[in-house]
Amino acid sequence: MIKKRKAGGKGFKELYKKMPKMKTKKSVSKRVKASGSGKLVRTRAFSGCHHILTKKTSKRKRKFRKAALVSAPDTKRIKKLVPGI
């Protein structure tokens, strides 16, 4: 019996023995961005500031508009969730 050679050289299984790609958690990638220096920037909680504005001071409402840096322990977690950041 004659052995047939494969046309491509390497078989299908040899080509796809790589580790699977890391999937990005889309929810995190939409909430966090990297700054120019590499730090992670997020929006503040309650940043919409939509209702019951009368009891909130103008200083407090102004602070909600600004972005905040992600803390160091959270940065480590987020970088695992979003590999490309």
Protein backbone atom coordinates (compact mmCIF):
# COMPACT_ATOMS: atom_id res chain seq x y z
CA MET A 1 0.00 0.00 0.00
CA ILE A 2 1.31 3.45 -0.94
CA LYS A 3 1.28 6.26 1.64
CA LYS A 4 -0.22 9.50 0.40
CA ARG A 5 1.47 12.75 1.32
CA LYS A 6 -0.50 15.74 2.53
CA ALA A 7 -0.52 18.68 0.17
CA GLY A 8 0.23 21.42 2.71
CA GLY A 9 3.09 19.74 4.53
CA LYS A 10 1.76 20.27 8.06
CA GLY A 11 -1.54 18.74 9.04
CA PHE A 12 -4.58 20.63 10.27
CA LYS A 13 -3.97 19.74 13.92
CA GLU A 14 -0.35 20.96 13.89
CA LEU A 15 -1.42 24.36 12.58
CA TYR A 16 -4.01 24.90 15.32
CA LYS A 17 -2.18 23.71 18.44
CA LYS A 18 -1.75 27.29 19.67
CA MET A 19 -3.30 28.55 22.87
CA PRO A 20 -6.71 30.19 22.39
CA LYS A 21 -6.85 33.97 22.18
CA MET A 22 -7.78 36.03 25.24
CA LYS A 23 -11.26 37.47 24.85
CA THR A 24 -11.82 41.08 25.88
CA LYS A 25 -14.58 41.78 28.39
CA LYS A 26 -16.51 44.33 26.35
CA SER A 27 -18.33 45.82 29.32
CA VAL A 28 -15.00 46.79 30.92
CA SER A 29 -13.46 48.05 27.69
CA LYS A 30 -16.38 50.46 27.24
CA ARG A 31 -16.02 51.87 30.76
CA VAL A 32 -12.24 52.25 31.01
CA LYS A 33 -9.66 53.94 28.77
CA ALA A 34 -5.89 54.22 29.00
CA SER A 35 -4.36 57.66 29.42
CA GLY A 36 -1.23 58.77 27.61
CA SER A 37 0.99 57.74 30.51
CA GLY A 38 -0.64 54.28 30.66
CA LYS A 39 -2.85 54.86 33.71
CA LEU A 40 -6.46 53.74 33.51
CA VAL A 41 -9.19 56.38 33.49
CA ARG A 42 -12.84 55.70 34.38
CA THR A 43 -16.03 57.70 34.68
CA ARG A 44 -17.31 58.40 38.16
CA ALA A 45 -20.26 56.58 39.66
CA PHE A 46 -23.52 58.54 39.31
CA SER A 47 -21.84 60.61 36.60
CA GLY A 48 -25.12 60.97 34.74
CA CYS A 49 -26.39 63.14 37.58
CA HIS A 50 -29.87 63.16 36.06
CA HIS A 51 -32.43 63.50 38.80
CA ILE A 52 -32.90 65.02 42.25
CA LEU A 53 -30.38 67.74 41.47
CA THR A 54 -31.80 70.32 43.86
CA LYS A 55 -30.31 68.80 46.98
CA LYS A 56 -26.88 68.21 45.38
CA THR A 57 -24.41 71.07 45.62
CA SER A 58 -22.98 72.56 42.45
CA LYS A 59 -19.50 71.47 43.57
CA ARG A 60 -20.71 67.88 43.87
CA LYS A 61 -22.41 67.95 40.46
CA ARG A 62 -19.30 69.46 38.88
CA LYS A 63 -17.12 66.72 40.37
CA PHE A 64 -19.29 64.02 38.76
CA ARG A 65 -18.43 65.34 35.29
CA LYS A 66 -14.71 64.73 35.65
CA ALA A 67 -13.03 61.39 35.02
CA ALA A 68 -11.19 59.55 37.79
CA LEU A 69 -8.17 57.25 37.87
CA VAL A 70 -8.62 53.56 38.59
CA SER A 71 -7.03 52.43 41.87
CA ALA A 72 -3.90 50.23 41.79
CA PRO A 73 -5.54 46.92 42.86
CA ASP A 74 -8.36 47.43 40.35
CA THR A 75 -5.87 48.26 37.59
CA LYS A 76 -4.33 44.82 37.95
CA ARG A 77 -7.76 43.16 37.64
CA ILE A 78 -8.87 45.28 34.69
CA LYS A 79 -5.69 44.59 32.72
CA LYS A 80 -6.52 40.88 32.90
CA LEU A 81 -10.05 41.53 31.63
CA VAL A 82 -8.90 43.80 28.79
CA PRO A 83 -5.64 42.36 27.41
CA GLY A 84 -5.09 45.05 24.75
CA ILE A 85 -5.18 48.01 27.15
